[in-house]
Amino acid sequence: MKQNDLPLSENETHRKRLEAKAEILKALANPVRLCLMEQIIKRGETTVSELVTCMGASQSLISQYLGRLRSLGFVESRKSGNLVYYSCKNKAVRDLVEYILESNI
């Protein structure tokens, strides 16, 4: 039996893709990370110090969350002197965040 003919619960390739997609949703399910993505999308390139207004989070927590978003490929960073600038590099994530934020939930 081919992999594609298996029930979804037994299709390893499909299950791994779903797990990867769930990681995207889990990352965006955190209100601070969603706020960070919203601000980065709205502002374009921005620094950690410009993002400290997100949900009252500390600068160190924001830095940790930005690291997570960067490791997932949601944002990229560029260092200039002492500052690190973050921008959204993933169009699909940008579209998803914009969709979430525009919904009337």
PDB file of N, CA and C in Angstrom:
ATOM      1  N   MET A   1       0.845  -1.180   0.000  1.00  0.00           N
ATOM      2  CA  MET A   1       0.000   0.000   0.000  1.00  0.00           C
ATOM      3  C   MET A   1       0.895   1.248   0.000  1.00  0.00           C
ATOM      4  N   LYS A   2       0.604   2.164  -0.910  1.00  0.00           N
ATOM      5  CA  LYS A   2       1.390   3.395  -1.005  1.00  0.00           C
ATOM      6  C   LYS A   2       1.089   4.308   0.180  1.00  0.00           C
ATOM      7  N   GLN A   3       2.064   5.180   0.505  1.00  0.00           N
ATOM      8  CA  GLN A   3       1.931   6.119   1.622  1.00  0.00           C
ATOM      9  C   GLN A   3       0.676   6.988   1.490  1.00  0.00           C
ATOM     10  N   ASN A   4       0.367   7.451   0.272  1.00  0.00           N
ATOM     11  CA  ASN A   4      -0.793   8.321   0.069  1.00  0.00           C
ATOM     12  C   ASN A   4      -2.123   7.598   0.221  1.00  0.00           C
ATOM     13  N   ASP A   5      -2.110   6.258   0.116  1.00  0.00           N
ATOM     14  CA  ASP A   5      -3.342   5.486   0.230  1.00  0.00           C
ATOM     15  C   ASP A   5      -3.664   5.101   1.674  1.00  0.00           C
ATOM     16  N   LEU A   6      -2.745   5.357   2.581  1.00  0.00           N
ATOM     17  CA  LEU A   6      -2.941   5.008   3.982  1.00  0.00           C
ATOM     18  C   LEU A   6      -3.925   5.963   4.642  1.00  0.00           C
ATOM     19  N   PRO A   7      -4.624   5.510   5.681  1.00  0.00           N
ATOM     20  CA  PRO A   7      -5.438   6.446   6.463  1.00  0.00           C
ATOM     21  C   PRO A   7      -4.534   7.546   7.008  1.00  0.00           C
ATOM     22  N   LEU A   8      -5.082   8.738   7.176  1.00  0.00           N
ATOM     23  CA  LEU A   8      -4.258   9.873   7.617  1.00  0.00           C
ATOM     24  C   LEU A   8      -3.487   9.575   8.892  1.00  0.00           C
ATOM     25  N   SER A   9      -4.068   8.811   9.792  1.00  0.00           N
ATOM     26  CA  SER A   9      -3.388   8.508  11.047  1.00  0.00           C
ATOM     27  C   SER A   9      -2.152   7.641  10.845  1.00  0.00           C
ATOM     28  N   GLU A  10      -2.064   6.945   9.712  1.00  0.00           N
ATOM     29  CA  GLU A  10      -0.923   6.070   9.446  1.00  0.00           C
ATOM     30  C   GLU A  10       0.020   6.630   8.387  1.00  0.00           C
ATOM     31  N   ASN A  11      -0.329   7.740   7.778  1.00  0.00           N
ATOM     32  CA  ASN A  11       0.498   8.339   6.737  1.00  0.00           C
ATOM     33  C   ASN A  11       1.532   9.239   7.405  1.00  0.00           C
ATOM     34  N   GLU A  12       2.742   8.719   7.549  1.00  0.00           N
ATOM     35  CA  GLU A  12       3.814   9.414   8.273  1.00  0.00           C
ATOM     36  C   GLU A  12       4.148  10.767   7.654  1.00  0.00           C
ATOM     37  N   THR A  13       4.216  10.841   6.345  1.00  0.00           N
ATOM     38  CA  THR A  13       4.540  12.091   5.666  1.00  0.00           C
ATOM     39  C   THR A  13       3.479  13.144   5.941  1.00  0.00           C
ATOM     40  N   HIS A  14       2.238  12.753   5.814  1.00  0.00           N
ATOM     41  CA  HIS A  14       1.139  13.693   6.055  1.00  0.00           C
ATOM     42  C   HIS A  14       1.120  14.138   7.517  1.00  0.00           C
ATOM     43  N   ARG A  15       1.316  13.191   8.424  1.00  0.00           N
ATOM     44  CA  ARG A  15       1.312  13.508   9.848  1.00  0.00           C
ATOM     45  C   ARG A  15       2.422  14.508  10.185  1.00  0.00           C
ATOM     46  N   LYS A  16       3.599  14.333   9.607  1.00  0.00           N
ATOM     47  CA  LYS A  16       4.706  15.263   9.866  1.00  0.00           C
ATOM     48  C   LYS A  16       4.398  16.656   9.318  1.00  0.00           C
ATOM     49  N   ARG A  17       3.764  16.731   8.155  1.00  0.00           N
ATOM     50  CA  ARG A  17       3.366  18.039   7.606  1.00  0.00           C
ATOM     51  C   ARG A  17       2.361  18.726   8.522  1.00  0.00           C
ATOM     52  N   LEU A  18       1.393  17.956   9.022  1.00  0.00           N
ATOM     53  CA  LEU A  18       0.401  18.532   9.935  1.00  0.00           C
ATOM     54  C   LEU A  18       1.049  18.997  11.233  1.00  0.00           C
ATOM     55  N   GLU A  19       2.007  18.252  11.728  1.00  0.00           N
ATOM     56  CA  GLU A  19       2.708  18.656  12.942  1.00  0.00           C
ATOM     57  C   GLU A  19       3.473  19.956  12.722  1.00  0.00           C
ATOM     58  N   ALA A  20       4.084  20.103  11.552  1.00  0.00           N
ATOM     59  CA  ALA A  20       4.815  21.338  11.227  1.00  0.00           C
ATOM     60  C   ALA A  20       3.843  22.516  11.139  1.00  0.00           C
ATOM     61  N   LYS A  21       2.693  22.295  10.528  1.00  0.00           N
ATOM     62  CA  LYS A  21       1.685  23.365  10.422  1.00  0.00           C
ATOM     63  C   LYS A  21       1.160  23.740  11.809  1.00  0.00           C
ATOM     64  N   ALA A  22       0.999  22.746  12.669  1.00  0.00           N
ATOM     65  CA  ALA A  22       0.528  23.010  14.034  1.00  0.00           C
ATOM     66  C   ALA A  22       1.538  23.862  14.796  1.00  0.00           C
ATOM     67  N   GLU A  23       2.828  23.692  14.525  1.00  0.00           N
ATOM     68  CA  GLU A  23       3.854  24.525  15.166  1.00  0.00           C
ATOM     69  C   GLU A  23       3.667  25.994  14.788  1.00  0.00           C
ATOM     70  N   ILE A  24       3.289  26.251  13.551  1.00  0.00           N
ATOM     71  CA  ILE A  24       3.017  27.628  13.112  1.00  0.00           C
ATOM     72  C   ILE A  24       1.857  28.196  13.915  1.00  0.00           C
ATOM     73  N   LEU A  25       0.790  27.421  14.030  1.00  0.00           N
ATOM     74  CA  LEU A  25      -0.378  27.896  14.768  1.00  0.00           C
ATOM     75  C   LEU A  25      -0.073  28.064  16.247  1.00  0.00           C
ATOM     76  N   LYS A  26       0.727  27.151  16.825  1.00  0.00           N
ATOM     77  CA  LYS A  26       1.084  27.281  18.239  1.00  0.00           C
ATOM     78  C   LYS A  26       1.896  28.553  18.478  1.00  0.00           C
ATOM     79  N   ALA A  27       2.796  28.863  17.568  1.00  0.00           N
ATOM     80  CA  ALA A  27       3.606  30.074  17.728  1.00  0.00           C
ATOM     81  C   ALA A  27       2.741  31.318  17.686  1.00  0.00           C
ATOM     82  N   LEU A  28       1.760  31.335  16.816  1.00  0.00           N
ATOM     83  CA  LEU A  28       0.890  32.504  16.689  1.00  0.00           C
ATOM     84  C   LEU A  28      -0.218  32.523  17.748  1.00  0.00           C
ATOM     85  N   ALA A  29      -0.420  31.413  18.446  1.00  0.00           N
ATOM     86  CA  ALA A  29      -1.463  31.347  19.465  1.00  0.00           C
ATOM     87  C   ALA A  29      -1.078  32.107  20.732  1.00  0.00           C
ATOM     88  N   ASN A  30       0.178  32.469  20.859  1.00  0.00           N
ATOM     89  CA  ASN A  30       0.622  33.249  22.008  1.00  0.00           C
ATOM     90  C   ASN A  30       0.349  34.726  21.744  1.00  0.00           C
ATOM     91  N   PRO A  31      -0.378  35.413  22.633  1.00  0.00           N
ATOM     92  CA  PRO A  31      -0.745  36.811  22.376  1.00  0.00           C
ATOM     93  C   PRO A  31       0.452  37.746  22.193  1.00  0.00           C
ATOM     94  N   VAL A  32       1.531  37.512  22.916  1.00  0.00           N
ATOM     95  CA  VAL A  32       2.705  38.389  22.769  1.00  0.00           C
ATOM     96  C   VAL A  32       3.345  38.170  21.412  1.00  0.00           C
ATOM     97  N   ARG A  33       3.510  36.910  21.001  1.00  0.00           N
ATOM     98  CA  ARG A  33       4.116  36.647  19.687  1.00  0.00           C
ATOM     99  C   ARG A  33       3.228  37.172  18.566  1.00  0.00           C
ATOM    100  N   LEU A  34       1.910  37.051  18.712  1.00  0.00           N
ATOM    101  CA  LEU A  34       1.000  37.598  17.703  1.00  0.00           C
ATOM    102  C   LEU A  34       1.132  39.115  17.651  1.00  0.00           C
ATOM    103  N   CYS A  35       1.236  39.747  18.797  1.00  0.00           N
ATOM    104  CA  CYS A  35       1.436  41.198  18.847  1.00  0.00           C
ATOM    105  C   CYS A  35       2.755  41.588  18.179  1.00  0.00           C
ATOM    106  N   LEU A  36       3.809  40.819  18.443  1.00  0.00           N
ATOM    107  CA  LEU A  36       5.101  41.108  17.813  1.00  0.00           C
ATOM    108  C   LEU A  36       4.991  41.022  16.294  1.00  0.00           C
ATOM    109  N   MET A  37       4.340  39.974  15.806  1.00  0.00           N
ATOM    110  CA  MET A  37       4.182  39.826  14.359  1.00  0.00           C
ATOM    111  C   MET A  37       3.355  40.974  13.797  1.00  0.00           C
ATOM    112  N   GLU A  38       2.300  41.357  14.500  1.00  0.00           N
ATOM    113  CA  GLU A  38       1.468  42.470  14.052  1.00  0.00           C
ATOM    114  C   GLU A  38       2.309  43.745  13.927  1.00  0.00           C
ATOM    115  N   GLN A  39       3.094  44.040  14.941  1.00  0.00           N
ATOM    116  CA  GLN A  39       3.890  45.266  14.933  1.00  0.00           C
ATOM    117  C   GLN A  39       4.973  45.233  13.861  1.00  0.00           C
ATOM    118  N   ILE A  40       5.615  44.099  13.705  1.00  0.00           N
ATOM    119  CA  ILE A  40       6.666  43.981  12.683  1.00  0.00           C
ATOM    120  C   ILE A  40       6.064  44.144  11.292  1.00  0.00           C
ATOM    121  N   ILE A  41       4.906  43.564  11.066  1.00  0.00           N
ATOM    122  CA  ILE A  41       4.240  43.692   9.763  1.00  0.00           C
ATOM    123  C   ILE A  41       3.826  45.135   9.516  1.00  0.00           C
ATOM    124  N   LYS A  42       3.247  45.780  10.527  1.00  0.00           N
ATOM    125  CA  LYS A  42       2.792  47.159  10.362  1.00  0.00           C
ATOM    126  C   LYS A  42       3.946  48.140  10.205  1.00  0.00           C
ATOM    127  N   ARG A  43       4.998  47.967  10.985  1.00  0.00           N
ATOM    128  CA  ARG A  43       6.105  48.924  11.009  1.00  0.00           C
ATOM    129  C   ARG A  43       7.177  48.646   9.965  1.00  0.00           C
ATOM    130  N   GLY A  44       7.233  47.436   9.486  1.00  0.00           N
ATOM    131  CA  GLY A  44       8.370  47.050   8.645  1.00  0.00           C
ATOM    132  C   GLY A  44       9.534  46.728   9.560  1.00  0.00           C
ATOM    133  N   GLU A  45      10.721  47.052   9.160  1.00  0.00           N
ATOM    134  CA  GLU A  45      11.892  46.781   9.997  1.00  0.00           C
ATOM    135  C   GLU A  45      11.782  47.519  11.322  1.00  0.00           C
ATOM    136  N   THR A  46      11.983  46.793  12.401  1.00  0.00           N
ATOM    137  CA  THR A  46      11.854  47.401  13.729  1.00  0.00           C
ATOM    138  C   THR A  46      12.794  46.730  14.721  1.00  0.00           C
ATOM    139  N   THR A  47      13.097  47.423  15.812  1.00  0.00           N
ATOM    140  CA  THR A  47      14.024  46.914  16.822  1.00  0.00           C
ATOM    141  C   THR A  47      13.262  46.400  18.041  1.00  0.00           C
ATOM    142  N   VAL A  48      13.955  45.664  18.888  1.00  0.00           N
ATOM    143  CA  VAL A  48      13.355  45.145  20.120  1.00  0.00           C
ATOM    144  C   VAL A  48      12.828  46.291  20.969  1.00  0.00           C
ATOM    145  N   SER A  49      13.597  47.362  21.081  1.00  0.00           N
ATOM    146  CA  SER A  49      13.170  48.474  21.933  1.00  0.00           C
ATOM    147  C   SER A  49      11.880  49.125  21.424  1.00  0.00           C
ATOM    148  N   GLU A  50      11.607  49.010  20.127  1.00  0.00           N
ATOM    149  CA  GLU A  50      10.361  49.546  19.572  1.00  0.00           C
ATOM    150  C   GLU A  50       9.177  48.601  19.794  1.00  0.00           C
ATOM    151  N   LEU A  51       9.475  47.380  20.234  1.00  0.00           N
ATOM    152  CA  LEU A  51       8.431  46.371  20.399  1.00  0.00           C
ATOM    153  C   LEU A  51       8.044  46.134  21.854  1.00  0.00           C
ATOM    154  N   VAL A  52       8.659  46.855  22.788  1.00  0.00           N
ATOM    155  CA  VAL A  52       8.397  46.588  24.205  1.00  0.00           C
ATOM    156  C   VAL A  52       6.978  46.946  24.629  1.00  0.00           C
ATOM    157  N   THR A  53       6.225  47.604  23.794  1.00  0.00           N
ATOM    158  CA  THR A  53       4.833  47.926  24.129  1.00  0.00           C
ATOM    159  C   THR A  53       3.896  46.739  23.906  1.00  0.00           C
ATOM    160  N   CYS A  54       4.381  45.660  23.324  1.00  0.00           N
ATOM    161  CA  CYS A  54       3.531  44.501  23.047  1.00  0.00           C
ATOM    162  C   CYS A  54       3.123  43.789  24.330  1.00  0.00           C
ATOM    163  N   MET A  55       1.882  43.975  24.699  1.00  0.00           N
ATOM    164  CA  MET A  55       1.256  43.235  25.793  1.00  0.00           C
ATOM    165  C   MET A  55       1.988  43.405  27.128  1.00  0.00           C
ATOM    166  N   GLY A  56       2.769  44.459  27.278  1.00  0.00           N
ATOM    167  CA  GLY A  56       3.465  44.714  28.537  1.00  0.00           C
ATOM    168  C   GLY A  56       4.601  43.743  28.825  1.00  0.00           C
ATOM    169  N   ALA A  57       5.099  43.070  27.798  1.00  0.00           N
ATOM    170  CA  ALA A  57       6.163  42.079  27.988  1.00  0.00           C
ATOM    171  C   ALA A  57       7.505  42.775  28.200  1.00  0.00           C
ATOM    172  N   SER A  58       8.382  42.130  28.928  1.00  0.00           N
ATOM    173  CA  SER A  58       9.717  42.677  29.169  1.00  0.00           C
ATOM    174  C   SER A  58      10.566  42.557  27.911  1.00  0.00           C
ATOM    175  N   GLN A  59      11.632  43.339  27.868  1.00  0.00           N
ATOM    176  CA  GLN A  59      12.521  43.310  26.709  1.00  0.00           C
ATOM    177  C   GLN A  59      13.167  41.936  26.559  1.00  0.00           C
ATOM    178  N   SER A  60      13.511  41.299  27.678  1.00  0.00           N
ATOM    179  CA  SER A  60      14.137  39.978  27.576  1.00  0.00           C
ATOM    180  C   SER A  60      13.157  38.934  27.043  1.00  0.00           C
ATOM    181  N   LEU A  61      11.889  39.007  27.463  1.00  0.00           N
ATOM    182  CA  LEU A  61      10.888  38.074  26.941  1.00  0.00           C
ATOM    183  C   LEU A  61      10.660  38.311  25.455  1.00  0.00           C
ATOM    184  N   ILE A  62      10.596  39.562  25.056  1.00  0.00           N
ATOM    185  CA  ILE A  62      10.424  39.880  23.636  1.00  0.00           C
ATOM    186  C   ILE A  62      11.599  39.339  22.827  1.00  0.00           C
ATOM    187  N   SER A  63      12.807  39.496  23.338  1.00  0.00           N
ATOM    188  CA  SER A  63      13.982  38.965  22.642  1.00  0.00           C
ATOM    189  C   SER A  63      13.894  37.452  22.495  1.00  0.00           C
ATOM    190  N   GLN A  64      13.442  36.767  23.549  1.00  0.00           N
ATOM    191  CA  GLN A  64      13.279  35.309  23.477  1.00  0.00           C
ATOM    192  C   GLN A  64      12.248  34.932  22.421  1.00  0.00           C
ATOM    193  N   TYR A  65      11.124  35.637  22.425  1.00  0.00           N
ATOM    194  CA  TYR A  65      10.070  35.334  21.459  1.00  0.00           C
ATOM    195  C   TYR A  65      10.522  35.641  20.034  1.00  0.00           C
ATOM    196  N   LEU A  66      11.269  36.705  19.849  1.00  0.00           N
ATOM    197  CA  LEU A  66      11.791  37.009  18.510  1.00  0.00           C
ATOM    198  C   LEU A  66      12.740  35.912  18.044  1.00  0.00           C
ATOM    199  N   GLY A  67      13.517  35.372  18.965  1.00  0.00           N
ATOM    200  CA  GLY A  67      14.390  34.248  18.621  1.00  0.00           C
ATOM    201  C   GLY A  67      13.587  33.051  18.147  1.00  0.00           C
ATOM    202  N   ARG A  68      12.483  32.785  18.817  1.00  0.00           N
ATOM    203  CA  ARG A  68      11.603  31.684  18.413  1.00  0.00           C
ATOM    204  C   ARG A  68      10.995  31.949  17.040  1.00  0.00           C
ATOM    205  N   LEU A  69      10.521  33.173  16.821  1.00  0.00           N
ATOM    206  CA  LEU A  69       9.941  33.530  15.523  1.00  0.00           C
ATOM    207  C   LEU A  69      10.983  33.448  14.414  1.00  0.00           C
ATOM    208  N   ARG A  70      12.214  33.805  14.740  1.00  0.00           N
ATOM    209  CA  ARG A  70      13.292  33.718  13.751  1.00  0.00           C
ATOM    210  C   ARG A  70      13.617  32.254  13.445  1.00  0.00           C
ATOM    211  N   SER A  71      13.647  31.417  14.484  1.00  0.00           N
ATOM    212  CA  SER A  71      13.966  29.997  14.261  1.00  0.00           C
ATOM    213  C   SER A  71      12.888  29.300  13.430  1.00  0.00           C
ATOM    214  N   LEU A  72      11.659  29.791  13.511  1.00  0.00           N
ATOM    215  CA  LEU A  72      10.572  29.230  12.712  1.00  0.00           C
ATOM    216  C   LEU A  72      10.535  29.798  11.294  1.00  0.00           C
ATOM    217  N   GLY A  73      11.360  30.803  11.027  1.00  0.00           N
ATOM    218  CA  GLY A  73      11.386  31.405   9.697  1.00  0.00           C
ATOM    219  C   GLY A  73      10.322  32.462   9.493  1.00  0.00           C
ATOM    220  N   PHE A  74       9.717  32.955  10.584  1.00  0.00           N
ATOM    221  CA  PHE A  74       8.690  33.995  10.480  1.00  0.00           C
ATOM    222  C   PHE A  74       9.305  35.366  10.253  1.00  0.00           C
ATOM    223  N   VAL A  75      10.437  35.614  10.904  1.00  0.00           N
ATOM    224  CA  VAL A  75      11.111  36.907  10.796  1.00  0.00           C
ATOM    225  C   VAL A  75      12.584  36.681  10.493  1.00  0.00           C
ATOM    226  N   GLU A  76      13.198  37.734   9.987  1.00  0.00           N
ATOM    227  CA  GLU A  76      14.643  37.715   9.817  1.00  0.00           C
ATOM    228  C   GLU A  76      15.202  38.925  10.541  1.00  0.00           C
ATOM    229  N   SER A  77      16.478  38.858  10.865  1.00  0.00           N
ATOM    230  CA  SER A  77      17.092  39.964  11.584  1.00  0.00           C
ATOM    231  C   SER A  77      18.296  40.483  10.810  1.00  0.00           C
ATOM    232  N   ARG A  78      18.574  41.759  11.051  1.00  0.00           N
ATOM    233  CA  ARG A  78      19.718  42.427  10.435  1.00  0.00           C
ATOM    234  C   ARG A  78      20.348  43.291  11.505  1.00  0.00           C
ATOM    235  N   LYS A  79      21.644  43.094  11.740  1.00  0.00           N
ATOM    236  CA  LYS A  79      22.343  43.873  12.756  1.00  0.00           C
ATOM    237  C   LYS A  79      22.993  45.089  12.118  1.00  0.00           C
ATOM    238  N   SER A  80      22.838  46.224  12.802  1.00  0.00           N
ATOM    239  CA  SER A  80      23.470  47.469  12.378  1.00  0.00           C
ATOM    240  C   SER A  80      23.987  48.168  13.630  1.00  0.00           C
ATOM    241  N   GLY A  81      25.283  48.142  13.816  1.00  0.00           N
ATOM    242  CA  GLY A  81      25.858  48.691  15.037  1.00  0.00           C
ATOM    243  C   GLY A  81      25.383  47.884  16.228  1.00  0.00           C
ATOM    244  N   ASN A  82      24.830  48.566  17.222  1.00  0.00           N
ATOM    245  CA  ASN A  82      24.322  47.881  18.423  1.00  0.00           C
ATOM    246  C   ASN A  82      22.881  47.423  18.282  1.00  0.00           C
ATOM    247  N   LEU A  83      22.231  47.781  17.202  1.00  0.00           N
ATOM    248  CA  LEU A  83      20.814  47.471  17.030  1.00  0.00           C
ATOM    249  C   LEU A  83      20.594  46.257  16.128  1.00  0.00           C
ATOM    250  N   VAL A  84      19.548  45.515  16.440  1.00  0.00           N
ATOM    251  CA  VAL A  84      19.120  44.406  15.588  1.00  0.00           C
ATOM    252  C   VAL A  84      17.736  44.763  15.073  1.00  0.00           C
ATOM    253  N   TYR A  85      17.580  44.739  13.767  1.00  0.00           N
ATOM    254  CA  TYR A  85      16.315  45.070  13.126  1.00  0.00           C
ATOM    255  C   TYR A  85      15.625  43.774  12.690  1.00  0.00           C
ATOM    256  N   TYR A  86      14.338  43.685  12.982  1.00  0.00           N
ATOM    257  CA  TYR A  86      13.539  42.521  12.621  1.00  0.00           C
ATOM    258  C   TYR A  86      12.528  42.894  11.550  1.00  0.00           C
ATOM    259  N   SER A  87      12.314  41.976  10.622  1.00  0.00           N
ATOM    260  CA  SER A  87      11.303  42.167   9.590  1.00  0.00           C
ATOM    261  C   SER A  87      10.659  40.811   9.296  1.00  0.00           C
ATOM    262  N   CYS A  88       9.450  40.856   8.757  1.00  0.00           N
ATOM    263  CA  CYS A  88       8.738  39.635   8.404  1.00  0.00           C
ATOM    264  C   CYS A  88       9.269  39.138   7.068  1.00  0.00           C
ATOM    265  N   LYS A  89       9.751  37.913   7.034  1.00  0.00           N
ATOM    266  CA  LYS A  89      10.328  37.385   5.806  1.00  0.00           C
ATOM    267  C   LYS A  89       9.448  36.346   5.132  1.00  0.00           C
ATOM    268  N   ASN A  90       8.367  35.966   5.769  1.00  0.00           N
ATOM    269  CA  ASN A  90       7.551  34.870   5.281  1.00  0.00           C
ATOM    270  C   ASN A  90       6.181  35.394   4.854  1.00  0.00           C
ATOM    271  N   LYS A  91       5.948  35.462   3.556  1.00  0.00           N
ATOM    272  CA  LYS A  91       4.697  36.013   3.032  1.00  0.00           C
ATOM    273  C   LYS A  91       3.483  35.217   3.503  1.00  0.00           C
ATOM    274  N   ALA A  92       3.601  33.908   3.564  1.00  0.00           N
ATOM    275  CA  ALA A  92       2.470  33.080   4.009  1.00  0.00           C
ATOM    276  C   ALA A  92       2.114  33.400   5.458  1.00  0.00           C
ATOM    277  N   VAL A  93       3.106  33.576   6.309  1.00  0.00           N
ATOM    278  CA  VAL A  93       2.851  33.926   7.705  1.00  0.00           C
ATOM    279  C   VAL A  93       2.274  35.336   7.783  1.00  0.00           C
ATOM    280  N   ARG A  94       2.811  36.256   6.974  1.00  0.00           N
ATOM    281  CA  ARG A  94       2.278  37.621   6.928  1.00  0.00           C
ATOM    282  C   ARG A  94       0.790  37.580   6.565  1.00  0.00           C
ATOM    283  N   ASP A  95       0.444  36.827   5.535  1.00  0.00           N
ATOM    284  CA  ASP A  95      -0.950  36.723   5.110  1.00  0.00           C
ATOM    285  C   ASP A  95      -1.824  36.115   6.211  1.00  0.00           C
ATOM    286  N   LEU A  96      -1.312  35.093   6.892  1.00  0.00           N
ATOM    287  CA  LEU A  96      -2.061  34.443   7.958  1.00  0.00           C
ATOM    288  C   LEU A  96      -2.287  35.411   9.126  1.00  0.00           C
ATOM    289  N   VAL A  97      -1.249  36.118   9.537  1.00  0.00           N
ATOM    290  CA  VAL A  97      -1.374  37.085  10.629  1.00  0.00           C
ATOM    291  C   VAL A  97      -2.359  38.181  10.253  1.00  0.00           C
ATOM    292  N   GLU A  98      -2.249  38.693   9.045  1.00  0.00           N
ATOM    293  CA  GLU A  98      -3.181  39.732   8.610  1.00  0.00           C
ATOM    294  C   GLU A  98      -4.614  39.207   8.591  1.00  0.00           C
ATOM    295  N   TYR A  99      -4.805  37.983   8.165  1.00  0.00           N
ATOM    296  CA  TYR A  99      -6.134  37.375   8.164  1.00  0.00           C
ATOM    297  C   TYR A  99      -6.681  37.277   9.600  1.00  0.00           C
ATOM    298  N   ILE A 100      -5.848  36.775  10.508  1.00  0.00           N
ATOM    299  CA  ILE A 100      -6.259  36.644  11.913  1.00  0.00           C
ATOM    300  C   ILE A 100      -6.641  37.998  12.486  1.00  0.00           C
ATOM    301  N   LEU A 101      -5.810  38.994  12.228  1.00  0.00           N
ATOM    302  CA  LEU A 101      -6.045  40.320  12.801  1.00  0.00           C
ATOM    303  C   LEU A 101      -7.249  41.028  12.180  1.00  0.00           C
ATOM    304  N   GLU A 102      -7.564  40.707  10.936  1.00  0.00           N
ATOM    305  CA  GLU A 102      -8.708  41.345  10.267  1.00  0.00           C
ATOM    306  C   GLU A 102     -10.039  40.660  10.583  1.00  0.00           C
ATOM    307  N   SER A 103      -9.967  39.447  11.147  1.00  0.00           N
ATOM    308  CA  SER A 103     -11.211  38.723  11.426  1.00  0.00           C
ATOM    309  C   SER A 103     -11.970  39.394  12.566  1.00  0.00           C
ATOM    310  N   ASN A 104     -13.263  39.198  12.583  1.00  0.00           N
ATOM    311  CA  ASN A 104     -14.129  39.837  13.583  1.00  0.00           C
ATOM    312  C   ASN A 104     -14.384  38.896  14.757  1.00  0.00           C
ATOM    313  N   ILE A 105     -13.364  38.295  15.254  1.00  0.00           N
ATOM    314  CA  ILE A 105     -13.503  37.367  16.389  1.00  0.00           C
ATOM    315  C   ILE A 105     -13.347  38.129  17.682  1.00  0.00           C
TER     316      ILE A 105
END
